[in-house]
């Protein structure tokens, strides 16, 4: 198992280098001068302008800037914002909000998605199956921001069941409604994936053999079929955790949550390249770490994968 984990870690190295290089080049190759934006409408003295460009190494070739950034990244330094604040401290003040939001959405889609998928898969062609398929189709078809504003209006303002904005009520109450909206699309995919995988495995030879031996249907489903059916679901869940962390910008905006997505949005508006690059790099590392955990769980569920 350790050789399997080490192999996966080594495979992550070129991915980290490639993604961070692309992020850095794409952000700093964009038109516009962030130092001019930093000055606002007031004219900036040439000496101050040159000093700021030198401080942020913008007067160096792009490849040298990336090399300097990469060296700092190995030391755990994600850079410095154009306001002089470290990106790490900026993330520290808002990262908790995004993590709590993403975990709420992830737990919601994990529990409800697998439950609905198993329920529909065991009742293929029935009323429950039809309701799950039609409901998930509706969720997939409706844009997430429409669901967010609708849920905020109905469940927050009209019924008063959930807070509509902010995090004053703490976790989990303030994060329940935005978390459910954030995880709704993935819930639909997980339910459909679980249903399809379960139906496919129920047709397998080992299931027919177990039934012929007289094993109870519940034991066959829980001990054998469900375990094999969850392999693709676990893969999706691991990847989706990174997607939830990176894709919370819209939901954080609708529910006015001061998370990391809001920080990226504000940094893009003011062309704060170091902030965008630092936060994006951190999200990439989280995404890769989630994939590593998925690979380990995948290998635990199916030991054959470790030896491929």
Protein backbone atom coordinates (compact mmCIF):
# COMPACT_ATOMS: atom_id res chain seq x y z
CA UNK A 1 0.00 0.00 0.00
CA UNK A 2 2.84 2.39 0.80
CA UNK A 3 4.39 1.85 -2.64
CA UNK A 4 1.00 2.64 -4.16
CA UNK A 5 0.75 5.91 -2.17
CA UNK A 6 4.35 6.88 -3.01
CA UNK A 7 3.71 6.29 -6.70
CA UNK A 8 0.66 8.54 -6.58
CA UNK A 9 2.65 11.26 -4.77
CA UNK A 10 5.36 11.20 -7.43
CA UNK A 11 2.72 11.49 -10.13
CA UNK A 12 1.44 14.66 -8.45
CA UNK A 13 4.75 16.53 -8.84
CA UNK A 14 4.52 17.29 -12.60
CA UNK A 15 0.84 18.10 -12.17
CA UNK A 16 1.64 20.70 -9.50
CA UNK A 17 4.38 22.25 -11.62
CA UNK A 18 2.24 22.32 -14.75
CA UNK A 19 -0.89 23.76 -13.15
CA UNK A 20 0.91 26.41 -11.11
CA UNK A 21 2.86 27.51 -14.19
CA UNK A 22 -0.32 27.82 -16.27
CA UNK A 23 -2.11 29.75 -13.51
CA UNK A 24 0.82 32.11 -13.05
CA UNK A 25 1.31 32.77 -16.76
CA UNK A 26 -2.39 33.24 -17.48
CA UNK A 27 -2.89 35.67 -14.60
CA UNK A 28 0.20 37.83 -15.16
CA UNK A 29 -0.04 37.74 -18.95
CA UNK A 30 -3.42 39.46 -18.84
CA UNK A 31 -3.53 43.02 -20.20
CA UNK A 32 -3.51 45.84 -17.69
CA UNK A 33 -1.08 47.08 -15.06
CA UNK A 34 -2.01 46.09 -11.48
CA UNK A 35 0.23 48.83 -10.08
CA UNK A 36 -1.73 51.48 -11.99
CA UNK A 37 -4.95 49.95 -10.67
CA UNK A 38 -3.52 50.08 -7.16
CA UNK A 39 -3.04 53.83 -7.52
CA UNK A 40 -6.69 54.38 -8.43
CA UNK A 41 -7.67 57.65 -10.07
CA UNK A 42 -4.76 59.58 -8.54
CA UNK A 43 -1.58 59.85 -10.62
CA UNK A 44 1.28 57.86 -9.12
CA UNK A 45 4.78 59.40 -9.00
CA UNK A 46 7.19 57.54 -11.31
CA UNK A 47 9.56 56.75 -8.46
CA UNK A 48 6.77 55.13 -6.42
CA UNK A 49 5.56 53.28 -9.48
CA UNK A 50 9.00 51.82 -10.22
CA UNK A 51 9.58 50.97 -6.56
CA UNK A 52 6.31 49.02 -6.40
CA UNK A 53 7.07 47.19 -9.62
CA UNK A 54 10.49 46.24 -8.25
CA UNK A 55 8.99 45.16 -4.90
CA UNK A 56 6.55 42.78 -6.58
CA UNK A 57 9.21 41.70 -9.14
CA UNK A 58 7.04 42.84 -12.05
CA UNK A 59 10.10 44.34 -13.73
CA UNK A 60 11.61 40.85 -14.13
CA UNK A 61 10.96 38.38 -16.98
CA UNK A 62 7.88 36.24 -16.43
CA UNK A 63 9.84 32.99 -16.10
CA UNK A 64 12.00 34.51 -13.34
CA UNK A 65 8.88 35.70 -11.54
CA UNK A 66 7.46 32.18 -11.67
CA UNK A 67 10.72 30.65 -10.44
CA UNK A 68 10.78 33.04 -7.50
CA UNK A 69 7.14 32.25 -6.73
CA UNK A 70 7.81 28.50 -6.92
CA UNK A 71 10.69 28.75 -4.46
CA UNK A 72 8.47 30.63 -2.04
CA UNK A 73 5.73 28.05 -2.54
CA UNK A 74 8.06 25.25 -1.42
CA UNK A 75 8.58 27.22 1.80
CA UNK A 76 4.82 27.54 2.32
CA UNK A 77 4.70 31.17 1.11
CA UNK A 78 1.74 31.81 -1.21
CA UNK A 79 2.82 35.34 -2.00
CA UNK A 80 1.90 38.87 -0.98
CA UNK A 81 -1.16 40.84 -2.00
CA UNK A 82 -0.82 44.27 -3.61
CA UNK A 83 -1.93 45.76 -0.28
CA UNK A 84 1.10 44.29 1.48
CA UNK A 85 -0.78 41.49 3.26
CA UNK A 86 0.37 37.90 2.95
CA UNK A 87 -1.95 35.70 0.91
CA UNK A 88 -1.76 33.04 3.64
CA UNK A 89 -3.18 35.40 6.27
CA UNK A 90 -5.83 36.57 3.82
CA UNK A 91 -6.89 32.97 3.23
CA UNK A 92 -6.77 32.26 6.95
CA UNK A 93 -9.41 34.90 7.65
CA UNK A 94 -11.85 33.56 5.03
CA UNK A 95 -10.88 29.93 4.50
CA UNK A 96 -12.94 28.67 7.46
CA UNK A 97 -16.14 29.96 5.88
CA UNK A 98 -15.51 28.20 2.56
CA UNK A 99 -14.44 24.95 4.23
CA UNK A 100 -17.57 24.89 6.39
CA UNK A 101 -19.75 25.65 3.37
CA UNK A 102 -18.06 23.01 1.20
CA UNK A 103 -18.18 20.34 3.93
CA UNK A 104 -21.87 21.04 4.56
CA UNK A 105 -22.59 20.65 0.84
CA UNK A 106 -20.39 17.55 0.61
CA UNK A 107 -22.03 15.78 3.56
CA UNK A 108 -25.46 16.68 2.18
CA UNK A 109 -24.73 15.28 -1.28
CA UNK A 110 -22.97 12.22 0.17
CA UNK A 111 -25.82 11.17 2.45
CA UNK A 112 -28.78 12.16 0.29
CA UNK A 113 -27.20 11.24 -3.05
CA UNK A 114 -26.24 7.69 -2.07
CA UNK A 115 -29.53 7.16 -0.20
CA UNK A 116 -31.65 8.27 -3.15
CA UNK A 117 -29.48 6.33 -5.60
CA UNK A 118 -29.75 3.08 -3.63
CA UNK A 119 -33.47 3.61 -3.08
CA UNK A 120 -34.08 4.16 -6.79
CA UNK A 121 -31.73 1.36 -7.88
CA UNK A 122 -33.47 -1.25 -5.76
CA UNK A 123 -36.85 -0.14 -7.14
CA UNK A 124 -35.99 0.20 -10.81
CA UNK A 125 -39.01 1.18 -12.88
CA UNK A 126 -41.16 2.00 -9.87
CA UNK A 127 -42.61 5.25 -8.57
CA UNK A 128 -39.58 6.00 -6.38
CA UNK A 129 -37.23 5.47 -9.31
CA UNK A 130 -39.29 7.78 -11.52
CA UNK A 131 -39.42 10.48 -8.83
CA UNK A 132 -35.64 10.35 -8.29
CA UNK A 133 -34.92 10.51 -12.03
CA UNK A 134 -37.34 13.39 -12.64
CA UNK A 135 -36.18 15.30 -9.56
CA UNK A 136 -32.50 15.00 -10.40
CA UNK A 137 -33.22 16.03 -14.00
CA UNK A 138 -34.92 19.17 -12.70
CA UNK A 139 -31.97 20.04 -10.45
CA UNK A 140 -29.49 19.52 -13.29
CA UNK A 141 -31.55 21.64 -15.71
CA UNK A 142 -32.07 24.66 -13.44
CA UNK A 143 -29.04 27.00 -13.04
CA UNK A 144 -27.57 27.02 -9.55
CA UNK A 145 -28.01 30.76 -9.04
CA UNK A 146 -31.74 30.39 -9.81
CA UNK A 147 -32.03 27.67 -7.17
CA UNK A 148 -30.07 29.84 -4.75
CA UNK A 149 -32.22 32.95 -5.09
CA UNK A 150 -35.44 30.87 -5.10
CA UNK A 151 -34.47 28.96 -1.95
CA UNK A 152 -33.39 32.19 -0.27
CA UNK A 153 -36.76 33.76 -1.05
CA UNK A 154 -38.97 30.80 -0.14
CA UNK A 155 -37.18 29.07 2.75
CA UNK A 156 -35.45 32.16 4.13
CA UNK A 157 -37.72 35.16 3.68
CA UNK A 158 -41.17 33.60 3.28
CA UNK A 159 -41.01 30.62 5.66
CA UNK A 160 -38.19 31.86 7.90
CA UNK A 161 -36.66 28.39 8.22
CA UNK A 162 -33.06 29.42 7.48
CA UNK A 163 -30.92 32.57 7.68
CA UNK A 164 -30.73 34.34 4.34
CA UNK A 165 -27.33 36.07 4.57
CA UNK A 166 -24.16 36.07 6.63
CA UNK A 167 -22.71 33.69 9.18
CA UNK A 168 -24.00 35.24 12.40
CA UNK A 169 -25.83 32.06 13.45
CA UNK A 170 -22.68 29.96 13.13
CA UNK A 171 -22.20 26.45 11.81
CA UNK A 172 -24.21 24.53 10.79
CA UNK A 173 -27.35 26.68 10.84
CA UNK A 174 -26.02 29.53 8.70
CA UNK A 175 -24.55 27.07 6.21
CA UNK A 176 -27.46 24.63 5.80
CA UNK A 177 -29.37 26.43 3.04
CA UNK A 178 -26.35 27.60 0.99
CA UNK A 179 -24.73 24.19 1.51
CA UNK A 180 -27.77 22.36 0.18
CA UNK A 181 -27.90 24.62 -2.87
CA UNK A 182 -24.16 24.25 -3.49
CA UNK A 183 -24.37 20.46 -3.23
CA UNK A 184 -27.65 20.05 -5.13
CA UNK A 185 -26.10 19.57 -8.58
CA UNK A 186 -23.57 17.02 -7.34
CA UNK A 187 -26.32 15.28 -5.36
CA UNK A 188 -28.22 14.73 -8.60
CA UNK A 189 -25.17 13.23 -10.31
CA UNK A 190 -24.32 11.02 -7.31
CA UNK A 191 -27.88 9.71 -7.09
CA UNK A 192 -27.89 8.83 -10.78
CA UNK A 193 -24.40 7.34 -10.64
CA UNK A 194 -25.24 5.22 -7.59
CA UNK A 195 -28.48 4.04 -9.17
CA UNK A 196 -26.85 3.05 -12.46
CA UNK A 197 -23.89 1.33 -10.80
CA UNK A 198 -26.14 -0.58 -8.38
CA UNK A 199 -28.45 -1.78 -11.16
CA UNK A 200 -25.45 -2.92 -13.19
CA UNK A 201 -23.91 -4.83 -10.28
CA UNK A 202 -27.22 -6.46 -9.38
CA UNK A 203 -27.03 -8.21 -12.76
CA UNK A 204 -23.53 -9.58 -12.09
CA UNK A 205 -22.79 -13.30 -11.91
CA UNK A 206 -21.70 -13.20 -8.28
CA UNK A 207 -25.10 -11.78 -7.27
CA UNK A 208 -26.94 -14.59 -9.07
CA UNK A 209 -24.61 -17.09 -7.40
CA UNK A 210 -25.28 -15.60 -3.96
CA UNK A 211 -29.03 -15.67 -4.57
CA UNK A 212 -28.79 -19.29 -5.70
CA UNK A 213 -27.01 -20.16 -2.45
CA UNK A 214 -29.92 -18.70 -0.52
CA UNK A 215 -28.21 -15.60 0.93
CA UNK A 216 -30.65 -12.88 2.05
CA UNK A 217 -31.11 -10.06 -0.46
CA UNK A 218 -30.29 -7.42 2.18
CA UNK A 219 -26.94 -9.06 2.95
CA UNK A 220 -26.07 -9.34 -0.74
CA UNK A 221 -26.81 -5.65 -1.29
CA UNK A 222 -25.03 -4.34 1.82
CA UNK A 223 -22.01 -6.67 1.96
CA UNK A 224 -21.25 -7.13 -1.73
CA UNK A 225 -23.20 -5.17 -4.34
CA UNK A 226 -23.17 -1.79 -2.63
CA UNK A 227 -19.43 -1.92 -1.96
CA UNK A 228 -18.62 -2.48 -5.63
CA UNK A 229 -21.22 0.08 -6.70
CA UNK A 230 -19.65 2.80 -4.54
CA UNK A 231 -16.25 2.70 -6.27
CA UNK A 232 -17.17 5.24 -9.01
CA UNK A 233 -19.18 7.23 -6.46
CA UNK A 234 -16.16 7.55 -4.15
CA UNK A 235 -14.11 8.78 -7.10
CA UNK A 236 -16.68 11.44 -7.89
CA UNK A 237 -17.05 12.50 -4.25
CA UNK A 238 -13.31 12.97 -3.80
CA UNK A 239 -12.97 15.07 -6.93
CA UNK A 240 -16.10 17.03 -6.11
CA UNK A 241 -14.77 18.16 -2.74
CA UNK A 242 -12.15 20.18 -4.59
CA UNK A 243 -14.81 21.45 -6.98
CA UNK A 244 -16.98 22.62 -4.09
CA UNK A 245 -14.11 24.56 -2.53
CA UNK A 246 -13.29 26.25 -5.83
CA UNK A 247 -16.84 26.68 -7.08
CA UNK A 248 -18.43 28.37 -4.09
CA UNK A 249 -18.08 31.88 -5.55
CA UNK A 250 -21.69 32.15 -6.76
CA UNK A 251 -23.24 30.78 -3.58
CA UNK A 252 -21.01 32.92 -1.36
CA UNK A 253 -22.15 35.94 -3.35
CA UNK A 254 -25.86 35.09 -3.11
CA UNK A 255 -25.78 34.43 0.64
CA UNK A 256 -23.14 37.08 1.39
CA UNK A 257 -20.67 34.63 2.93
CA UNK A 258 -17.17 36.11 3.45
CA UNK A 259 -15.35 33.09 2.07
CA UNK A 260 -12.38 32.46 -0.16
CA UNK A 261 -14.48 32.57 -3.31
CA UNK A 262 -15.43 36.14 -2.52
CA UNK A 263 -11.75 36.99 -2.03
CA UNK A 264 -10.89 35.63 -5.50
CA UNK A 265 -13.76 37.59 -7.05
CA UNK A 266 -12.61 40.85 -5.43
CA UNK A 267 -8.97 40.19 -6.40
CA UNK A 268 -9.92 39.66 -10.05
CA UNK A 269 -11.82 42.94 -10.05
CA UNK A 270 -8.82 44.95 -8.83
CA UNK A 271 -6.31 42.87 -10.87
CA UNK A 272 -4.54 41.66 -7.71
CA UNK A 273 -2.53 38.95 -9.47
CA UNK A 274 -0.61 37.62 -6.42
CA UNK A 275 -3.87 37.01 -4.56
CA UNK A 276 -5.49 35.23 -7.49
CA UNK A 277 -2.41 33.07 -8.08
CA UNK A 278 -1.88 32.26 -4.40
CA UNK A 279 -5.47 31.26 -3.68
CA UNK A 280 -5.78 29.35 -6.98
CA UNK A 281 -2.58 27.44 -6.22
CA UNK A 282 -3.86 26.52 -2.79
CA UNK A 283 -7.11 25.26 -4.33
CA UNK A 284 -5.09 23.14 -6.77
CA UNK A 285 -3.18 21.57 -3.87
CA UNK A 286 -6.44 20.84 -2.05
CA UNK A 287 -7.84 19.31 -5.23
CA UNK A 288 -4.79 17.08 -5.67
CA UNK A 289 -4.86 16.05 -2.01
CA UNK A 290 -8.52 15.07 -2.40
CA UNK A 291 -7.60 12.99 -5.45
CA UNK A 292 -4.85 11.26 -3.48
CA UNK A 293 -7.32 10.34 -0.74
CA UNK A 294 -9.69 9.04 -3.42
CA UNK A 295 -6.93 6.85 -4.88
CA UNK A 296 -6.17 5.41 -1.43
CA UNK A 297 -9.84 4.68 -0.70
CA UNK A 298 -10.21 3.29 -4.22
CA UNK A 299 -7.32 0.91 -3.57
CA UNK A 300 -8.85 -0.13 -0.26
CA UNK A 301 -12.19 -0.90 -1.90
CA UNK A 302 -10.62 -2.83 -4.78
CA UNK A 303 -7.13 -4.22 -3.91
CA UNK A 304 -6.49 -5.10 -7.56
CA UNK A 305 -6.00 -1.39 -8.33
CA UNK A 306 -2.87 -1.22 -6.13
CA UNK A 307 -1.06 -3.65 -8.41
CA UNK A 308 -1.99 -2.11 -11.76
